[in-house]
Amino acid sequence: MTVKERVEVLYLIAGTISAVGTVVAAVFAAVVYKRNSNFERAKWASSLYEKFYEGPTLKQIRDKLDCIKDLDSVNEIVIREEPAFTDYLNFFEFIAFLRASKQLKDSEIDVLFGYYLDCLNRHDRVKTYISSPENGYEGLATLLASRI
């Protein structure tokens, strides 16, 4: 084998090793990205769970809206636009934002908050309020519509 042929073989071997190394690095990067993405979603879910279920702020409204359809007390909350009510809706608007930005999956939202989203869907006055563009809950309106 001539020197030129040896050099060509070495270039071929080096190119092959480089290509294999690139593929291995890409697979490794994809695995790390997927793991980090899952970890981030788990952190979001944990934080949101604590805020929604363990914090007293949202509990008051959560209890009032707990799925009995169109109570006078629910209608009164909507009419008064109580701060606790708008905080509650803002929480779900944030959930809708996280969904749209793919930080949370529909399945995660359903497991954590599906029941209470369905409660919002059952109250006609609440749905009308959320659907009004001037109230600024377009993301939540879209999220609720996807659950019907």
N, C-alpha and C. Protein backbone atom coordinates (compact mmCIF):
# COMPACT_ATOMS: atom_id res chain seq x y z
N MET A 1 0.85 -1.16 0.00
CA MET A 1 0.00 0.00 0.00
C MET A 1 0.91 1.24 0.00
N THR A 2 0.58 2.17 -0.85
CA THR A 2 1.39 3.37 -0.96
C THR A 2 1.04 4.34 0.16
N VAL A 3 1.85 5.33 0.32
CA VAL A 3 1.64 6.34 1.35
C VAL A 3 0.33 7.08 1.08
N LYS A 4 0.09 7.38 -0.18
CA LYS A 4 -1.15 8.08 -0.55
C LYS A 4 -2.37 7.25 -0.18
N GLU A 5 -2.33 5.95 -0.43
CA GLU A 5 -3.45 5.07 -0.09
C GLU A 5 -3.63 4.99 1.42
N ARG A 6 -2.51 4.95 2.16
CA ARG A 6 -2.60 4.91 3.62
C ARG A 6 -3.24 6.19 4.16
N VAL A 7 -2.86 7.32 3.60
CA VAL A 7 -3.43 8.60 4.02
C VAL A 7 -4.93 8.62 3.73
N GLU A 8 -5.32 8.13 2.56
CA GLU A 8 -6.74 8.08 2.21
C GLU A 8 -7.52 7.19 3.17
N VAL A 9 -6.96 6.05 3.55
CA VAL A 9 -7.60 5.15 4.50
C VAL A 9 -7.72 5.83 5.87
N LEU A 10 -6.66 6.53 6.29
CA LEU A 10 -6.71 7.23 7.57
C LEU A 10 -7.78 8.33 7.56
N TYR A 11 -7.90 9.06 6.44
CA TYR A 11 -8.95 10.07 6.32
C TYR A 11 -10.33 9.43 6.38
N LEU A 12 -10.47 8.29 5.74
CA LEU A 12 -11.74 7.58 5.76
C LEU A 12 -12.09 7.13 7.18
N ILE A 13 -11.12 6.59 7.88
CA ILE A 13 -11.33 6.14 9.26
C ILE A 13 -11.65 7.33 10.16
N ALA A 14 -10.91 8.42 10.01
CA ALA A 14 -11.13 9.62 10.82
C ALA A 14 -12.52 10.19 10.55
N GLY A 15 -12.95 10.21 9.29
CA GLY A 15 -14.28 10.70 8.93
C GLY A 15 -15.37 9.85 9.54
N THR A 16 -15.17 8.53 9.50
CA THR A 16 -16.15 7.60 10.08
C THR A 16 -16.24 7.79 11.59
N ILE A 17 -15.09 7.89 12.23
CA ILE A 17 -15.08 8.10 13.70
C ILE A 17 -15.76 9.42 14.04
N SER A 18 -15.48 10.45 13.26
CA SER A 18 -16.10 11.76 13.48
C SER A 18 -17.62 11.68 13.31
N ALA A 19 -18.09 10.99 12.29
CA ALA A 19 -19.53 10.87 12.04
C ALA A 19 -20.21 10.09 13.17
N VAL A 20 -19.59 9.00 13.60
CA VAL A 20 -20.14 8.20 14.70
C VAL A 20 -20.16 9.03 15.98
N GLY A 21 -19.11 9.76 16.22
CA GLY A 21 -19.05 10.63 17.41
C GLY A 21 -20.14 11.68 17.39
N THR A 22 -20.40 12.25 16.22
CA THR A 22 -21.45 13.25 16.09
C THR A 22 -22.82 12.65 16.38
N VAL A 23 -23.07 11.46 15.86
CA VAL A 23 -24.35 10.79 16.10
C VAL A 23 -24.51 10.48 17.59
N VAL A 24 -23.47 9.97 18.22
CA VAL A 24 -23.52 9.65 19.65
C VAL A 24 -23.78 10.92 20.46
N ALA A 25 -23.10 12.00 20.12
CA ALA A 25 -23.30 13.27 20.84
C ALA A 25 -24.74 13.78 20.66
N ALA A 26 -25.29 13.65 19.45
CA ALA A 26 -26.65 14.11 19.20
C ALA A 26 -27.66 13.28 19.99
N VAL A 27 -27.48 11.97 20.04
CA VAL A 27 -28.37 11.11 20.81
C VAL A 27 -28.28 11.46 22.29
N PHE A 28 -27.07 11.64 22.78
CA PHE A 28 -26.87 12.01 24.18
C PHE A 28 -27.56 13.34 24.50
N ALA A 29 -27.40 14.32 23.62
CA ALA A 29 -28.03 15.63 23.81
C ALA A 29 -29.55 15.51 23.83
N ALA A 30 -30.10 14.69 22.96
CA ALA A 30 -31.55 14.50 22.92
C ALA A 30 -32.05 13.86 24.21
N VAL A 31 -31.33 12.89 24.73
CA VAL A 31 -31.72 12.22 25.97
C VAL A 31 -31.67 13.21 27.13
N VAL A 32 -30.62 14.00 27.21
CA VAL A 32 -30.48 14.99 28.28
C VAL A 32 -31.59 16.04 28.18
N TYR A 33 -31.89 16.50 26.96
CA TYR A 33 -32.95 17.48 26.76
C TYR A 33 -34.29 16.92 27.23
N LYS A 34 -34.60 15.70 26.86
CA LYS A 34 -35.87 15.07 27.24
C LYS A 34 -35.97 14.94 28.76
N ARG A 35 -34.88 14.53 29.38
CA ARG A 35 -34.87 14.37 30.84
C ARG A 35 -35.06 15.72 31.52
N ASN A 36 -34.37 16.74 31.05
CA ASN A 36 -34.50 18.07 31.63
C ASN A 36 -35.90 18.64 31.41
N SER A 37 -36.46 18.39 30.25
CA SER A 37 -37.80 18.86 29.94
C SER A 37 -38.82 18.21 30.89
N ASN A 38 -38.71 16.92 31.10
CA ASN A 38 -39.61 16.22 32.03
C ASN A 38 -39.44 16.74 33.45
N PHE A 39 -38.21 17.01 33.83
CA PHE A 39 -37.93 17.54 35.16
C PHE A 39 -38.55 18.92 35.35
N GLU A 40 -38.44 19.77 34.34
CA GLU A 40 -39.04 21.11 34.40
C GLU A 40 -40.55 21.04 34.52
N ARG A 41 -41.18 20.15 33.75
CA ARG A 41 -42.63 20.01 33.84
C ARG A 41 -43.04 19.50 35.22
N ALA A 42 -42.26 18.61 35.78
CA ALA A 42 -42.56 18.10 37.12
C ALA A 42 -42.44 19.22 38.16
N LYS A 43 -41.46 20.08 38.01
CA LYS A 43 -41.31 21.22 38.93
C LYS A 43 -42.50 22.17 38.81
N TRP A 44 -42.92 22.46 37.57
CA TRP A 44 -44.09 23.32 37.37
C TRP A 44 -45.31 22.70 38.02
N ALA A 45 -45.52 21.42 37.77
CA ALA A 45 -46.70 20.73 38.30
C ALA A 45 -46.71 20.76 39.82
N SER A 46 -45.58 20.52 40.43
CA SER A 46 -45.48 20.53 41.89
C SER A 46 -45.77 21.91 42.46
N SER A 47 -45.21 22.91 41.86
CA SER A 47 -45.43 24.28 42.32
C SER A 47 -46.89 24.69 42.17
N LEU A 48 -47.48 24.36 41.04
CA LEU A 48 -48.88 24.70 40.80
C LEU A 48 -49.81 23.94 41.74
N TYR A 49 -49.48 22.69 41.99
CA TYR A 49 -50.28 21.89 42.93
C TYR A 49 -50.29 22.56 44.31
N GLU A 50 -49.10 22.94 44.78
CA GLU A 50 -49.00 23.58 46.10
C GLU A 50 -49.82 24.86 46.14
N LYS A 51 -49.68 25.68 45.13
CA LYS A 51 -50.39 26.97 45.10
C LYS A 51 -51.90 26.75 45.08
N PHE A 52 -52.36 25.80 44.30
CA PHE A 52 -53.80 25.60 44.12
C PHE A 52 -54.44 24.87 45.30
N TYR A 53 -53.82 23.80 45.76
CA TYR A 53 -54.45 22.95 46.76
C TYR A 53 -54.06 23.26 48.20
N GLU A 54 -52.87 23.80 48.40
CA GLU A 54 -52.40 24.01 49.76
C GLU A 54 -52.51 25.45 50.21
N GLY A 55 -52.55 26.39 49.28
CA GLY A 55 -52.65 27.80 49.63
C GLY A 55 -54.08 28.20 49.94
N PRO A 56 -54.27 29.05 50.93
CA PRO A 56 -55.63 29.44 51.33
C PRO A 56 -56.31 30.40 50.34
N THR A 57 -55.53 31.12 49.56
CA THR A 57 -56.09 32.14 48.67
C THR A 57 -57.09 31.56 47.69
N LEU A 58 -56.74 30.49 47.02
CA LEU A 58 -57.60 29.93 45.98
C LEU A 58 -58.65 28.96 46.54
N LYS A 59 -58.43 28.48 47.76
CA LYS A 59 -59.34 27.50 48.35
C LYS A 59 -60.75 28.06 48.53
N GLN A 60 -60.85 29.29 48.95
CA GLN A 60 -62.16 29.91 49.19
C GLN A 60 -63.02 29.89 47.93
N ILE A 61 -62.48 30.35 46.83
CA ILE A 61 -63.24 30.37 45.57
C ILE A 61 -63.42 28.96 45.04
N ARG A 62 -62.40 28.13 45.18
CA ARG A 62 -62.50 26.74 44.72
C ARG A 62 -63.70 26.07 45.38
N ASP A 63 -63.86 26.29 46.67
CA ASP A 63 -64.99 25.70 47.39
C ASP A 63 -66.33 26.26 46.90
N LYS A 64 -66.38 27.55 46.60
CA LYS A 64 -67.63 28.17 46.15
C LYS A 64 -68.03 27.71 44.75
N LEU A 65 -67.05 27.46 43.92
CA LEU A 65 -67.34 27.06 42.53
C LEU A 65 -67.43 25.55 42.36
N ASP A 66 -67.40 24.83 43.44
CA ASP A 66 -67.29 23.37 43.39
C ASP A 66 -68.52 22.70 42.79
N CYS A 67 -68.72 22.94 41.53
CA CYS A 67 -69.56 22.17 40.62
C CYS A 67 -71.06 22.15 40.80
N ILE A 68 -71.63 22.79 41.77
CA ILE A 68 -73.08 22.86 41.80
C ILE A 68 -73.46 23.96 40.83
N LYS A 69 -74.23 23.62 39.82
CA LYS A 69 -74.46 24.50 38.68
C LYS A 69 -75.28 25.73 39.03
N ASP A 70 -74.73 26.88 38.63
CA ASP A 70 -75.43 28.18 38.63
C ASP A 70 -76.11 28.55 39.95
N LEU A 71 -75.37 28.45 41.01
CA LEU A 71 -75.87 28.94 42.30
C LEU A 71 -75.91 30.46 42.30
N ASP A 72 -76.82 31.01 43.10
CA ASP A 72 -76.88 32.47 43.22
C ASP A 72 -75.57 33.03 43.76
N SER A 73 -74.93 32.29 44.66
CA SER A 73 -73.66 32.78 45.24
C SER A 73 -72.57 32.84 44.17
N VAL A 74 -72.57 31.92 43.23
CA VAL A 74 -71.59 31.95 42.14
C VAL A 74 -71.86 33.14 41.24
N ASN A 75 -73.12 33.36 40.91
CA ASN A 75 -73.49 34.51 40.08
C ASN A 75 -73.08 35.82 40.76
N GLU A 76 -73.23 35.88 42.06
CA GLU A 76 -72.85 37.08 42.82
C GLU A 76 -71.34 37.31 42.77
N ILE A 77 -70.57 36.25 42.85
CA ILE A 77 -69.10 36.37 42.76
C ILE A 77 -68.71 36.97 41.42
N VAL A 78 -69.36 36.51 40.38
CA VAL A 78 -69.05 37.00 39.03
C VAL A 78 -69.45 38.47 38.90
N ILE A 79 -70.62 38.81 39.36
CA ILE A 79 -71.10 40.19 39.26
C ILE A 79 -70.17 41.15 40.01
N ARG A 80 -69.74 40.75 41.19
CA ARG A 80 -68.87 41.61 42.00
C ARG A 80 -67.42 41.60 41.54
N GLU A 81 -67.06 40.61 40.74
CA GLU A 81 -65.67 40.44 40.31
C GLU A 81 -64.72 40.49 41.52
N GLU A 82 -65.04 39.67 42.48
CA GLU A 82 -64.25 39.63 43.71
C GLU A 82 -62.78 39.34 43.38
N PRO A 83 -61.85 39.97 44.10
CA PRO A 83 -60.43 39.72 43.84
C PRO A 83 -60.04 38.24 43.92
N ALA A 84 -60.63 37.52 44.85
CA ALA A 84 -60.32 36.09 44.96
C ALA A 84 -60.76 35.34 43.70
N PHE A 85 -61.88 35.78 43.13
CA PHE A 85 -62.39 35.17 41.90
C PHE A 85 -61.44 35.45 40.73
N THR A 86 -61.03 36.70 40.58
CA THR A 86 -60.11 37.00 39.47
C THR A 86 -58.75 36.36 39.69
N ASP A 87 -58.31 36.23 40.94
CA ASP A 87 -57.06 35.49 41.21
C ASP A 87 -57.19 34.04 40.76
N TYR A 88 -58.34 33.46 41.04
CA TYR A 88 -58.62 32.08 40.66
C TYR A 88 -58.57 31.92 39.13
N LEU A 89 -59.24 32.84 38.44
CA LEU A 89 -59.22 32.78 36.97
C LEU A 89 -57.82 33.06 36.42
N ASN A 90 -57.08 33.98 37.04
CA ASN A 90 -55.71 34.26 36.61
C ASN A 90 -54.82 33.04 36.78
N PHE A 91 -55.07 32.27 37.83
CA PHE A 91 -54.31 31.03 38.02
C PHE A 91 -54.52 30.11 36.82
N PHE A 92 -55.77 29.95 36.41
CA PHE A 92 -56.06 29.07 35.28
C PHE A 92 -55.63 29.68 33.95
N GLU A 93 -55.61 30.99 33.86
CA GLU A 93 -55.08 31.64 32.66
C GLU A 93 -53.58 31.32 32.55
N PHE A 94 -52.90 31.28 33.68
CA PHE A 94 -51.48 30.92 33.68
C PHE A 94 -51.31 29.45 33.27
N ILE A 95 -52.18 28.59 33.74
CA ILE A 95 -52.15 27.18 33.32
C ILE A 95 -52.31 27.10 31.80
N ALA A 96 -53.24 27.89 31.26
CA ALA A 96 -53.45 27.92 29.81
C ALA A 96 -52.20 28.40 29.08
N PHE A 97 -51.52 29.39 29.65
CA PHE A 97 -50.27 29.88 29.07
C PHE A 97 -49.21 28.77 29.06
N LEU A 98 -49.08 28.06 30.17
CA LEU A 98 -48.09 26.97 30.25
C LEU A 98 -48.43 25.86 29.25
N ARG A 99 -49.70 25.64 29.04
CA ARG A 99 -50.12 24.65 28.04
C ARG A 99 -49.74 25.12 26.64
N ALA A 100 -50.04 26.37 26.32
CA ALA A 100 -49.75 26.91 24.99
C ALA A 100 -48.25 26.94 24.71
N SER A 101 -47.45 27.17 25.76
CA SER A 101 -46.00 27.20 25.58
C SER A 101 -45.36 25.82 25.75
N LYS A 102 -46.21 24.80 25.87
CA LYS A 102 -45.78 23.41 25.96
C LYS A 102 -44.95 23.10 27.20
N GLN A 103 -45.16 23.89 28.26
CA GLN A 103 -44.51 23.61 29.54
C GLN A 103 -45.30 22.56 30.32
N LEU A 104 -46.59 22.48 30.05
CA LEU A 104 -47.45 21.45 30.65
C LEU A 104 -48.24 20.77 29.54
N LYS A 105 -48.41 19.47 29.69
CA LYS A 105 -49.19 18.69 28.73
C LYS A 105 -50.66 18.67 29.16
N ASP A 106 -51.54 18.43 28.20
CA ASP A 106 -52.96 18.31 28.50
C ASP A 106 -53.21 17.24 29.56
N SER A 107 -52.51 16.13 29.46
CA SER A 107 -52.72 15.04 30.42
C SER A 107 -52.34 15.47 31.84
N GLU A 108 -51.28 16.28 31.98
CA GLU A 108 -50.87 16.76 33.30
C GLU A 108 -51.89 17.75 33.85
N ILE A 109 -52.37 18.62 32.99
CA ILE A 109 -53.40 19.59 33.40
C ILE A 109 -54.66 18.86 33.83
N ASP A 110 -55.03 17.84 33.07
CA ASP A 110 -56.24 17.09 33.39
C ASP A 110 -56.12 16.39 34.73
N VAL A 111 -55.00 15.76 34.99
CA VAL A 111 -54.81 15.04 36.25
C VAL A 111 -54.83 16.01 37.44
N LEU A 112 -54.15 17.14 37.30
CA LEU A 112 -54.04 18.07 38.42
C LEU A 112 -55.28 18.95 38.62
N PHE A 113 -55.88 19.42 37.52
CA PHE A 113 -56.90 20.45 37.63
C PHE A 113 -58.17 20.17 36.83
N GLY A 114 -58.28 19.02 36.22
CA GLY A 114 -59.41 18.72 35.34
C GLY A 114 -60.76 18.91 35.99
N TYR A 115 -60.91 18.43 37.20
CA TYR A 115 -62.19 18.55 37.90
C TYR A 115 -62.61 20.01 38.03
N TYR A 116 -61.69 20.86 38.44
CA TYR A 116 -62.02 22.27 38.68
C TYR A 116 -62.19 23.05 37.38
N LEU A 117 -61.49 22.66 36.33
CA LEU A 117 -61.74 23.25 35.02
C LEU A 117 -63.14 22.88 34.54
N ASP A 118 -63.52 21.63 34.77
CA ASP A 118 -64.87 21.21 34.41
C ASP A 118 -65.93 21.95 35.23
N CYS A 119 -65.62 22.25 36.48
CA CYS A 119 -66.54 23.05 37.30
C CYS A 119 -66.73 24.43 36.68
N LEU A 120 -65.66 25.05 36.22
CA LEU A 120 -65.79 26.35 35.56
C LEU A 120 -66.69 26.24 34.34
N ASN A 121 -66.56 25.15 33.60
CA ASN A 121 -67.37 24.93 32.40
C ASN A 121 -68.85 24.74 32.73
N ARG A 122 -69.18 24.31 33.92
CA ARG A 122 -70.58 24.05 34.28
C ARG A 122 -71.36 25.30 34.63
N HIS A 123 -70.66 26.36 35.03
CA HIS A 123 -71.34 27.60 35.43
C HIS A 123 -71.45 28.54 34.23
N ASP A 124 -72.68 28.69 33.74
CA ASP A 124 -72.89 29.51 32.54
C ASP A 124 -72.41 30.95 32.73
N ARG A 125 -72.69 31.53 33.88
CA ARG A 125 -72.29 32.92 34.13
C ARG A 125 -70.77 33.05 34.14
N VAL A 126 -70.10 32.08 34.72
CA VAL A 126 -68.63 32.09 34.77
C VAL A 126 -68.07 31.93 33.36
N LYS A 127 -68.62 31.01 32.58
CA LYS A 127 -68.15 30.81 31.20
C LYS A 127 -68.35 32.07 30.37
N THR A 128 -69.47 32.73 30.55
CA THR A 128 -69.73 33.98 29.81
C THR A 128 -68.70 35.04 30.20
N TYR A 129 -68.41 35.13 31.47
CA TYR A 129 -67.43 36.10 31.96
C TYR A 129 -66.05 35.81 31.35
N ILE A 130 -65.65 34.56 31.37
CA ILE A 130 -64.34 34.16 30.85
C ILE A 130 -64.28 34.40 29.34
N SER A 131 -65.38 34.18 28.65
CA SER A 131 -65.42 34.31 27.19
C SER A 131 -65.39 35.76 26.70
N SER A 132 -65.72 36.70 27.57
CA SER A 132 -65.73 38.11 27.16
C SER A 132 -64.31 38.61 26.97
N PRO A 133 -63.97 39.04 25.75
CA PRO A 133 -62.59 39.48 25.48
C PRO A 133 -62.11 40.61 26.38
N GLU A 134 -63.01 41.47 26.82
CA GLU A 134 -62.58 42.59 27.67
C GLU A 134 -62.08 42.16 29.04
N ASN A 135 -62.37 40.91 29.43
CA ASN A 135 -61.89 40.42 30.72
C ASN A 135 -60.50 39.80 30.66
N GLY A 136 -60.02 39.51 29.46
CA GLY A 136 -58.63 39.08 29.28
C GLY A 136 -58.34 37.63 29.61
N TYR A 137 -59.30 36.76 29.45
CA TYR A 137 -59.08 35.34 29.74
C TYR A 137 -59.17 34.49 28.47
N GLU A 138 -58.60 34.97 27.40
CA GLU A 138 -58.67 34.26 26.12
C GLU A 138 -58.03 32.87 26.20
N GLY A 139 -56.89 32.79 26.88
CA GLY A 139 -56.23 31.49 27.03
C GLY A 139 -57.07 30.50 27.80
N LEU A 140 -57.66 30.96 28.88
CA LEU A 140 -58.53 30.10 29.69
C LEU A 140 -59.77 29.71 28.90
N ALA A 141 -60.34 30.64 28.15
CA ALA A 141 -61.50 30.31 27.32
C ALA A 141 -61.16 29.21 26.32
N THR A 142 -60.00 29.30 25.72
CA THR A 142 -59.56 28.27 24.77
C THR A 142 -59.36 26.93 25.49
N LEU A 143 -58.73 26.98 26.66
CA LEU A 143 -58.52 25.75 27.43
C LEU A 143 -59.84 25.11 27.81
N LEU A 144 -60.81 25.90 28.28
CA LEU A 144 -62.11 25.35 28.63
C LEU A 144 -62.84 24.77 27.43
N ALA A 145 -62.75 25.47 26.29
CA ALA A 145 -63.41 24.99 25.07
C ALA A 145 -62.83 23.65 24.63
N SER A 146 -61.55 23.43 24.88
CA SER A 146 -60.91 22.17 24.48
C SER A 146 -61.37 21.00 25.36
N ARG A 147 -62.02 21.30 26.46
CA ARG A 147 -62.45 20.25 27.40
C ARG A 147 -63.91 19.85 27.20
N ILE A 148 -64.60 20.51 26.29
CA ILE A 148 -66.03 20.19 26.08
C ILE A 148 -66.15 18.96 25.19
